[in-house]
């Protein structure tokens, strides 16, 4: 392995994790007013509805799938699923989710570049982030044909072994990528780079999505109104009968006479 491989896949992951966690914490503590998704729905919502839904459904599935698939040790699923079967399942489900996310991010990127009003309100970081996501999804889809060349699951086990060595701080992680192709390495590097820029972009709103799970456990809110409640009116006493106008005879008085 070269020194570049040692840096990119041996030291770079820990740099990314440090910036990702500490950067998110510092931004939440110091820049809470920038902690938002900066939605442009008010400017144009037609394409946003399709693009955003497709992208989020696909990306959330890929995020959960990559996390579970890469960090689950082989011995935990070996009794009921072989490595080849797991790889084939990952190729099919990941390919479908990746295609949905790719269509979604393509719609979002075209919308942001083609609409003059949205382009005027977009920052350079917004466009650069969409471009990074687009390239990352292209690289991810490009790994499927390469994975189909070795359906025994050997490459998947090597990639998962690298991830497990990194998160458990074990040595020898870089050597596991000796037989990986450049597409796999580019996909892994760009994926880590997305986590590196995470605290400095609108991606921080992902933390808020996970934070909404706390609403299930928090106590009910006590809401008090600010309106002044008028005091109850005192019961009115019976008043004497009003006097009759002049010229009108009092029939009750004549009846009792």
C-alpha atoms as a PDB file:
ATOM      1  CA  UNK A   1       0.000   0.000   0.000  1.00  0.00           C
ATOM      2  CA  UNK A   2       1.209   3.514  -0.835  1.00  0.00           C
ATOM      3  CA  UNK A   3       1.504   6.432   1.549  1.00  0.00           C
ATOM      4  CA  UNK A   4      -1.525   8.004  -0.146  1.00  0.00           C
ATOM      5  CA  UNK A   5      -3.619   4.924   0.628  1.00  0.00           C
ATOM      6  CA  UNK A   6      -2.340   4.986   4.199  1.00  0.00           C
ATOM      7  CA  UNK A   7      -3.436   8.597   4.593  1.00  0.00           C
ATOM      8  CA  UNK A   8      -6.786   8.389   2.767  1.00  0.00           C
ATOM      9  CA  UNK A   9      -7.999   5.164   4.374  1.00  0.00           C
ATOM     10  CA  UNK A  10      -5.962   5.055   7.573  1.00  0.00           C
ATOM     11  CA  UNK A  11      -5.811   8.609   8.971  1.00  0.00           C
ATOM     12  CA  UNK A  12      -8.407  10.515   6.937  1.00  0.00           C
ATOM     13  CA  UNK A  13     -11.395   8.609   8.453  1.00  0.00           C
ATOM     14  CA  UNK A  14     -10.451   9.740  11.970  1.00  0.00           C
ATOM     15  CA  UNK A  15      -9.983  13.316  10.796  1.00  0.00           C
ATOM     16  CA  UNK A  16     -13.431  13.156   9.217  1.00  0.00           C
ATOM     17  CA  UNK A  17     -15.070  11.737  12.345  1.00  0.00           C
ATOM     18  CA  UNK A  18     -13.473  14.413  14.523  1.00  0.00           C
ATOM     19  CA  UNK A  19     -14.597  17.301  12.310  1.00  0.00           C
ATOM     20  CA  UNK A  20     -18.023  15.725  11.811  1.00  0.00           C
ATOM     21  CA  UNK A  21     -18.814  15.365  15.522  1.00  0.00           C
ATOM     22  CA  UNK A  22     -17.059  18.403  16.977  1.00  0.00           C
ATOM     23  CA  UNK A  23     -18.056  20.644  14.060  1.00  0.00           C
ATOM     24  CA  UNK A  24     -21.714  19.729  14.429  1.00  0.00           C
ATOM     25  CA  UNK A  25     -21.579  20.361  18.182  1.00  0.00           C
ATOM     26  CA  UNK A  26     -19.872  23.745  17.812  1.00  0.00           C
ATOM     27  CA  UNK A  27     -22.265  24.900  15.111  1.00  0.00           C
ATOM     28  CA  UNK A  28     -25.293  23.887  17.170  1.00  0.00           C
ATOM     29  CA  UNK A  29     -23.877  25.750  20.159  1.00  0.00           C
ATOM     30  CA  UNK A  30     -22.798  28.943  18.376  1.00  0.00           C
ATOM     31  CA  UNK A  31     -24.823  29.194  15.135  1.00  0.00           C
ATOM     32  CA  UNK A  32     -28.281  27.895  15.908  1.00  0.00           C
ATOM     33  CA  UNK A  33     -29.959  30.399  13.575  1.00  0.00           C
ATOM     34  CA  UNK A  34     -28.114  28.788  10.650  1.00  0.00           C
ATOM     35  CA  UNK A  35     -29.229  25.296  11.690  1.00  0.00           C
ATOM     36  CA  UNK A  36     -31.871  24.842   8.996  1.00  0.00           C
ATOM     37  CA  UNK A  37     -32.511  23.268   5.618  1.00  0.00           C
ATOM     38  CA  UNK A  38     -32.985  26.612   3.771  1.00  0.00           C
ATOM     39  CA  UNK A  39     -35.900  25.262   1.763  1.00  0.00           C
ATOM     40  CA  UNK A  40     -36.809  27.093  -1.461  1.00  0.00           C
ATOM     41  CA  UNK A  41     -40.313  25.660  -1.585  1.00  0.00           C
ATOM     42  CA  UNK A  42     -41.931  29.107  -1.607  1.00  0.00           C
ATOM     43  CA  UNK A  43     -40.190  29.944  -4.871  1.00  0.00           C
ATOM     44  CA  UNK A  44     -41.185  26.782  -6.726  1.00  0.00           C
ATOM     45  CA  UNK A  45     -42.598  23.592  -5.308  1.00  0.00           C
ATOM     46  CA  UNK A  46     -43.523  21.373  -8.268  1.00  0.00           C
ATOM     47  CA  UNK A  47     -40.157  19.823  -9.024  1.00  0.00           C
ATOM     48  CA  UNK A  48     -39.116  20.074  -5.380  1.00  0.00           C
ATOM     49  CA  UNK A  49     -41.858  17.680  -4.323  1.00  0.00           C
ATOM     50  CA  UNK A  50     -40.690  14.928  -6.677  1.00  0.00           C
ATOM     51  CA  UNK A  51     -36.976  15.555  -6.333  1.00  0.00           C
ATOM     52  CA  UNK A  52     -36.929  15.898  -2.559  1.00  0.00           C
ATOM     53  CA  UNK A  53     -39.106  12.845  -1.900  1.00  0.00           C
ATOM     54  CA  UNK A  54     -37.163  10.583  -4.263  1.00  0.00           C
ATOM     55  CA  UNK A  55     -33.829  11.791  -2.940  1.00  0.00           C
ATOM     56  CA  UNK A  56     -34.683  11.473   0.743  1.00  0.00           C
ATOM     57  CA  UNK A  57     -36.285   8.044   0.412  1.00  0.00           C
ATOM     58  CA  UNK A  58     -33.297   6.712  -1.519  1.00  0.00           C
ATOM     59  CA  UNK A  59     -30.604   8.325   0.615  1.00  0.00           C
ATOM     60  CA  UNK A  60     -32.141   7.300   3.943  1.00  0.00           C
ATOM     61  CA  UNK A  61     -32.342   3.694   2.752  1.00  0.00           C
ATOM     62  CA  UNK A  62     -28.730   3.840   1.557  1.00  0.00           C
ATOM     63  CA  UNK A  63     -27.535   5.407   4.808  1.00  0.00           C
ATOM     64  CA  UNK A  64     -29.174   2.739   6.954  1.00  0.00           C
ATOM     65  CA  UNK A  65     -28.162  -0.036   4.561  1.00  0.00           C
ATOM     66  CA  UNK A  66     -24.515   1.010   4.448  1.00  0.00           C
ATOM     67  CA  UNK A  67     -24.344   1.433   8.230  1.00  0.00           C
ATOM     68  CA  UNK A  68     -25.883  -1.946   9.007  1.00  0.00           C
ATOM     69  CA  UNK A  69     -24.179  -3.783   6.163  1.00  0.00           C
ATOM     70  CA  UNK A  70     -20.688  -2.437   6.786  1.00  0.00           C
ATOM     71  CA  UNK A  71     -20.671  -2.590  10.578  1.00  0.00           C
ATOM     72  CA  UNK A  72     -22.397  -5.927  11.150  1.00  0.00           C
ATOM     73  CA  UNK A  73     -19.811  -8.674  11.766  1.00  0.00           C
ATOM     74  CA  UNK A  74     -19.972 -11.660   9.458  1.00  0.00           C
ATOM     75  CA  UNK A  75     -20.566 -14.184  12.246  1.00  0.00           C
ATOM     76  CA  UNK A  76     -23.861 -12.520  13.183  1.00  0.00           C
ATOM     77  CA  UNK A  77     -25.604 -13.317   9.879  1.00  0.00           C
ATOM     78  CA  UNK A  78     -23.514 -16.288   8.716  1.00  0.00           C
ATOM     79  CA  UNK A  79     -25.869 -18.949  10.229  1.00  0.00           C
ATOM     80  CA  UNK A  80     -28.800 -17.888   8.016  1.00  0.00           C
ATOM     81  CA  UNK A  81     -27.232 -15.928   5.136  1.00  0.00           C
ATOM     82  CA  UNK A  82     -24.042 -16.402   3.148  1.00  0.00           C
ATOM     83  CA  UNK A  83     -21.780 -13.541   2.169  1.00  0.00           C
ATOM     84  CA  UNK A  84     -22.718 -13.973  -1.480  1.00  0.00           C
ATOM     85  CA  UNK A  85     -26.448 -13.782  -0.708  1.00  0.00           C
ATOM     86  CA  UNK A  86     -25.933 -10.660   1.358  1.00  0.00           C
ATOM     87  CA  UNK A  87     -23.947  -9.034  -1.430  1.00  0.00           C
ATOM     88  CA  UNK A  88     -26.621  -9.879  -3.994  1.00  0.00           C
ATOM     89  CA  UNK A  89     -29.327  -8.439  -1.736  1.00  0.00           C
ATOM     90  CA  UNK A  90     -27.254  -5.302  -1.233  1.00  0.00           C
ATOM     91  CA  UNK A  91     -26.744  -4.923  -4.978  1.00  0.00           C
ATOM     92  CA  UNK A  92     -30.465  -5.179  -5.758  1.00  0.00           C
ATOM     93  CA  UNK A  93     -31.872  -3.080  -2.926  1.00  0.00           C
ATOM     94  CA  UNK A  94     -29.000  -0.608  -3.006  1.00  0.00           C
ATOM     95  CA  UNK A  95     -29.293  -0.284  -6.769  1.00  0.00           C
ATOM     96  CA  UNK A  96     -32.999   0.564  -6.549  1.00  0.00           C
ATOM     97  CA  UNK A  97     -32.498   3.046  -3.716  1.00  0.00           C
ATOM     98  CA  UNK A  98     -29.458   4.540  -5.430  1.00  0.00           C
ATOM     99  CA  UNK A  99     -31.381   5.036  -8.664  1.00  0.00           C
ATOM    100  CA  UNK A 100     -34.234   6.777  -6.822  1.00  0.00           C
ATOM    101  CA  UNK A 101     -31.777   9.059  -5.032  1.00  0.00           C
ATOM    102  CA  UNK A 102     -29.932   9.767  -8.288  1.00  0.00           C
ATOM    103  CA  UNK A 103     -33.132  10.802 -10.068  1.00  0.00           C
ATOM    104  CA  UNK A 104     -34.096  12.943  -7.089  1.00  0.00           C
ATOM    105  CA  UNK A 105     -30.792  14.780  -6.799  1.00  0.00           C
ATOM    106  CA  UNK A 106     -30.701  15.288 -10.582  1.00  0.00           C
ATOM    107  CA  UNK A 107     -34.108  16.991 -10.396  1.00  0.00           C
ATOM    108  CA  UNK A 108     -32.977  19.134  -7.472  1.00  0.00           C
ATOM    109  CA  UNK A 109     -29.740  20.142  -9.206  1.00  0.00           C
ATOM    110  CA  UNK A 110     -31.515  20.990 -12.473  1.00  0.00           C
ATOM    111  CA  UNK A 111     -34.121  22.982 -10.547  1.00  0.00           C
ATOM    112  CA  UNK A 112     -31.493  24.984  -8.679  1.00  0.00           C
ATOM    113  CA  UNK A 113     -29.487  25.769 -11.815  1.00  0.00           C
ATOM    114  CA  UNK A 114     -32.316  26.416 -14.293  1.00  0.00           C
ATOM    115  CA  UNK A 115     -34.653  28.564 -12.195  1.00  0.00           C
ATOM    116  CA  UNK A 116     -33.398  32.152 -12.087  1.00  0.00           C
ATOM    117  CA  UNK A 117     -34.979  33.007  -8.737  1.00  0.00           C
ATOM    118  CA  UNK A 118     -33.710  29.878  -7.015  1.00  0.00           C
ATOM    119  CA  UNK A 119     -30.270  30.343  -8.541  1.00  0.00           C
ATOM    120  CA  UNK A 120     -30.169  33.921  -7.229  1.00  0.00           C
ATOM    121  CA  UNK A 121     -30.980  32.813  -3.669  1.00  0.00           C
ATOM    122  CA  UNK A 122     -28.568  29.850  -3.715  1.00  0.00           C
ATOM    123  CA  UNK A 123     -25.132  29.920  -2.184  1.00  0.00           C
ATOM    124  CA  UNK A 124     -22.138  28.338  -3.843  1.00  0.00           C
ATOM    125  CA  UNK A 125     -22.054  25.745  -1.106  1.00  0.00           C
ATOM    126  CA  UNK A 126     -25.609  24.658  -1.932  1.00  0.00           C
ATOM    127  CA  UNK A 127     -24.739  23.936  -5.556  1.00  0.00           C
ATOM    128  CA  UNK A 128     -21.385  22.345  -4.675  1.00  0.00           C
ATOM    129  CA  UNK A 129     -23.124  20.036  -2.190  1.00  0.00           C
ATOM    130  CA  UNK A 130     -25.629  18.854  -4.798  1.00  0.00           C
ATOM    131  CA  UNK A 131     -22.797  18.232  -7.256  1.00  0.00           C
ATOM    132  CA  UNK A 132     -20.923  16.171  -4.653  1.00  0.00           C
ATOM    133  CA  UNK A 133     -24.026  14.119  -3.921  1.00  0.00           C
ATOM    134  CA  UNK A 134     -24.639  13.599  -7.646  1.00  0.00           C
ATOM    135  CA  UNK A 135     -21.072  12.369  -8.244  1.00  0.00           C
ATOM    136  CA  UNK A 136     -21.212  10.169  -5.148  1.00  0.00           C
ATOM    137  CA  UNK A 137     -24.397   8.471  -6.343  1.00  0.00           C
ATOM    138  CA  UNK A 138     -22.878   7.940  -9.801  1.00  0.00           C
ATOM    139  CA  UNK A 139     -19.854   6.267  -8.229  1.00  0.00           C
ATOM    140  CA  UNK A 140     -22.084   4.146  -6.025  1.00  0.00           C
ATOM    141  CA  UNK A 141     -24.122   2.915  -8.982  1.00  0.00           C
ATOM    142  CA  UNK A 142     -20.877   2.253 -10.870  1.00  0.00           C
ATOM    143  CA  UNK A 143     -19.765  -0.187  -8.170  1.00  0.00           C
ATOM    144  CA  UNK A 144     -22.703  -2.516  -8.929  1.00  0.00           C
ATOM    145  CA  UNK A 145     -21.296  -3.902 -12.232  1.00  0.00           C
ATOM    146  CA  UNK A 146     -17.918  -4.336 -10.563  1.00  0.00           C
ATOM    147  CA  UNK A 147     -19.511  -6.170  -7.635  1.00  0.00           C
ATOM    148  CA  UNK A 148     -21.289  -8.469 -10.082  1.00  0.00           C
ATOM    149  CA  UNK A 149     -17.900  -9.797 -11.192  1.00  0.00           C
ATOM    150  CA  UNK A 150     -17.326 -11.467  -7.814  1.00  0.00           C
ATOM    151  CA  UNK A 151     -20.619 -12.672  -6.363  1.00  0.00           C
ATOM    152  CA  UNK A 152     -18.930 -14.752  -3.673  1.00  0.00           C
ATOM    153  CA  UNK A 153     -18.990 -11.748  -1.347  1.00  0.00           C
ATOM    154  CA  UNK A 154     -15.232 -11.593  -0.876  1.00  0.00           C
ATOM    155  CA  UNK A 155     -14.910  -7.907  -1.767  1.00  0.00           C
ATOM    156  CA  UNK A 156     -17.878  -7.002   0.393  1.00  0.00           C
ATOM    157  CA  UNK A 157     -16.232  -8.747   3.352  1.00  0.00           C
ATOM    158  CA  UNK A 158     -13.015  -6.798   2.770  1.00  0.00           C
ATOM    159  CA  UNK A 159     -14.832  -3.453   2.652  1.00  0.00           C
ATOM    160  CA  UNK A 160     -16.875  -4.313   5.742  1.00  0.00           C
ATOM    161  CA  UNK A 161     -13.713  -5.456   7.508  1.00  0.00           C
ATOM    162  CA  UNK A 162     -12.076  -2.107   6.768  1.00  0.00           C
ATOM    163  CA  UNK A 163     -15.033  -0.186   8.237  1.00  0.00           C
ATOM    164  CA  UNK A 164     -15.134  -2.394  11.329  1.00  0.00           C
ATOM    165  CA  UNK A 165     -11.395  -2.005  11.882  1.00  0.00           C
ATOM    166  CA  UNK A 166     -11.735   1.792  11.635  1.00  0.00           C
ATOM    167  CA  UNK A 167     -14.581   2.167  14.151  1.00  0.00           C
ATOM    168  CA  UNK A 168     -12.949  -0.233  16.613  1.00  0.00           C
ATOM    169  CA  UNK A 169      -9.503   1.420  16.286  1.00  0.00           C
ATOM    170  CA  UNK A 170      -7.796  -1.764  15.133  1.00  0.00           C
ATOM    171  CA  UNK A 171      -4.655  -1.827  13.016  1.00  0.00           C
ATOM    172  CA  UNK A 172      -4.463  -3.363   9.570  1.00  0.00           C
ATOM    173  CA  UNK A 173      -7.489  -1.626   8.067  1.00  0.00           C
ATOM    174  CA  UNK A 174      -5.678  -0.229   5.038  1.00  0.00           C
ATOM    175  CA  UNK A 175      -4.263  -3.618   4.034  1.00  0.00           C
ATOM    176  CA  UNK A 176      -7.817  -4.957   3.605  1.00  0.00           C
ATOM    177  CA  UNK A 177      -8.315  -2.619   0.632  1.00  0.00           C
ATOM    178  CA  UNK A 178      -5.363  -3.955  -1.338  1.00  0.00           C
ATOM    179  CA  UNK A 179      -7.593  -5.641  -3.918  1.00  0.00           C
ATOM    180  CA  UNK A 180     -10.261  -2.932  -4.154  1.00  0.00           C
ATOM    181  CA  UNK A 181     -10.698  -1.111  -7.465  1.00  0.00           C
ATOM    182  CA  UNK A 182     -10.395   2.624  -7.884  1.00  0.00           C
ATOM    183  CA  UNK A 183     -14.167   3.049  -8.163  1.00  0.00           C
ATOM    184  CA  UNK A 184     -14.652   1.561  -4.705  1.00  0.00           C
ATOM    185  CA  UNK A 185     -11.908   3.733  -3.269  1.00  0.00           C
ATOM    186  CA  UNK A 186     -13.240   6.887  -4.927  1.00  0.00           C
ATOM    187  CA  UNK A 187     -16.725   6.097  -3.640  1.00  0.00           C
ATOM    188  CA  UNK A 188     -15.378   5.610  -0.110  1.00  0.00           C
ATOM    189  CA  UNK A 189     -13.239   8.764  -0.200  1.00  0.00           C
ATOM    190  CA  UNK A 190     -16.046  10.975  -1.476  1.00  0.00           C
ATOM    191  CA  UNK A 191     -18.449   9.483   1.053  1.00  0.00           C
ATOM    192  CA  UNK A 192     -16.063  10.400   3.877  1.00  0.00           C
ATOM    193  CA  UNK A 193     -15.641  13.875   2.387  1.00  0.00           C
ATOM    194  CA  UNK A 194     -19.395  14.439   2.604  1.00  0.00           C
ATOM    195  CA  UNK A 195     -19.171  13.801   6.327  1.00  0.00           C
ATOM    196  CA  UNK A 196     -16.212  16.186   6.496  1.00  0.00           C
ATOM    197  CA  UNK A 197     -18.199  19.094   5.004  1.00  0.00           C
ATOM    198  CA  UNK A 198     -21.366  18.094   6.863  1.00  0.00           C
ATOM    199  CA  UNK A 199     -21.074  20.651   9.721  1.00  0.00           C
ATOM    200  CA  UNK A 200     -20.531  23.536   7.288  1.00  0.00           C
ATOM    201  CA  UNK A 201     -23.548  22.923   5.042  1.00  0.00           C
ATOM    202  CA  UNK A 202     -27.313  22.603   5.277  1.00  0.00           C
ATOM    203  CA  UNK A 203     -26.845  18.885   5.907  1.00  0.00           C
ATOM    204  CA  UNK A 204     -26.867  19.627   9.643  1.00  0.00           C
ATOM    205  CA  UNK A 205     -30.672  19.491   9.530  1.00  0.00           C
ATOM    206  CA  UNK A 206     -30.262  15.701   9.398  1.00  0.00           C
ATOM    207  CA  UNK A 207     -29.436  15.825  13.119  1.00  0.00           C
ATOM    208  CA  UNK A 208     -32.777  17.530  13.729  1.00  0.00           C
ATOM    209  CA  UNK A 209     -34.541  14.694  11.939  1.00  0.00           C
ATOM    210  CA  UNK A 210     -33.089  12.199  14.387  1.00  0.00           C
ATOM    211  CA  UNK A 211     -33.789  14.614  17.238  1.00  0.00           C
ATOM    212  CA  UNK A 212     -37.525  14.478  16.598  1.00  0.00           C
ATOM    213  CA  UNK A 213     -37.527  10.971  18.087  1.00  0.00           C
ATOM    214  CA  UNK A 214     -37.169  12.671  21.483  1.00  0.00           C
ATOM    215  CA  UNK A 215     -40.722  14.016  21.136  1.00  0.00           C
ATOM    216  CA  UNK A 216     -41.996  10.502  21.805  1.00  0.00           C
ATOM    217  CA  UNK A 217     -40.397  10.431  25.258  1.00  0.00           C
ATOM    218  CA  UNK A 218     -40.721  14.022  26.437  1.00  0.00           C
ATOM    219  CA  UNK A 219     -43.567  15.001  28.832  1.00  0.00           C
ATOM    220  CA  UNK A 220     -46.635  16.837  27.664  1.00  0.00           C
ATOM    221  CA  UNK A 221     -46.390  20.585  27.410  1.00  0.00           C
ATOM    222  CA  UNK A 222     -48.527  22.737  29.678  1.00  0.00           C
ATOM    223  CA  UNK A 223     -49.957  25.571  27.617  1.00  0.00           C
ATOM    224  CA  UNK A 224     -51.428  28.629  29.318  1.00  0.00           C
ATOM    225  CA  UNK A 225     -53.296  31.295  27.438  1.00  0.00           C
ATOM    226  CA  UNK A 226     -52.287  34.957  27.609  1.00  0.00           C
ATOM    227  CA  UNK A 227     -55.835  36.204  27.075  1.00  0.00           C
ATOM    228  CA  UNK A 228     -57.422  38.010  29.996  1.00  0.00           C
ATOM    229  CA  UNK A 229     -60.457  36.190  31.263  1.00  0.00           C
ATOM    230  CA  UNK A 230     -63.261  38.611  32.151  1.00  0.00           C
ATOM    231  CA  UNK A 231     -64.613  38.248  35.716  1.00  0.00           C
ATOM    232  CA  UNK A 232     -68.036  36.763  36.125  1.00  0.00           C
ATOM    233  CA  UNK A 233     -70.808  39.299  36.216  1.00  0.00           C
ATOM    234  CA  UNK A 234     -72.660  39.564  39.542  1.00  0.00           C
ATOM    235  CA  UNK A 235     -76.278  38.292  39.449  1.00  0.00           C
ATOM    236  CA  UNK A 236     -78.695  41.150  38.837  1.00  0.00           C
ATOM    237  CA  UNK A 237     -81.360  41.900  41.458  1.00  0.00           C
ATOM    238  CA  UNK A 238     -85.004  42.021  40.492  1.00  0.00           C
ATOM    239  CA  UNK A 239     -85.902  45.613  39.851  1.00  0.00           C
ATOM    240  CA  UNK A 240     -89.254  47.231  40.405  1.00  0.00           C
ATOM    241  CA  UNK A 241     -91.634  47.228  37.455  1.00  0.00           C
ATOM    242  CA  UNK A 242     -91.263  50.217  35.236  1.00  0.00           C
ATOM    243  CA  UNK A 243     -93.924  52.891  35.443  1.00  0.00           C
ATOM    244  CA  UNK A 244     -96.455  52.959  32.672  1.00  0.00           C
ATOM    245  CA  UNK A 245     -96.552  55.959  30.421  1.00  0.00           C
ATOM    246  CA  UNK A 246     -99.287  58.512  31.070  1.00  0.00           C
ATOM    247  CA  UNK A 247    -102.593  57.789  29.487  1.00  0.00           C
ATOM    248  CA  UNK A 248    -102.342  53.995  29.606  1.00  0.00           C
ATOM    249  CA  UNK A 249    -104.650  52.417  32.196  1.00  0.00           C
ATOM    250  CA  UNK A 250    -103.264  49.936  34.670  1.00  0.00           C
ATOM    251  CA  UNK A 251    -105.381  46.831  34.105  1.00  0.00           C
ATOM    252  CA  UNK A 252    -103.910  44.953  37.097  1.00  0.00           C
ATOM    253  CA  UNK A 253    -104.828  47.778  39.464  1.00  0.00           C
ATOM    254  CA  UNK A 254    -108.450  47.829  38.175  1.00  0.00           C
ATOM    255  CA  UNK A 255    -108.684  44.056  38.554  1.00  0.00           C
ATOM    256  CA  UNK A 256    -107.686  44.197  42.234  1.00  0.00           C
ATOM    257  CA  UNK A 257    -109.870  47.204  42.983  1.00  0.00           C
END
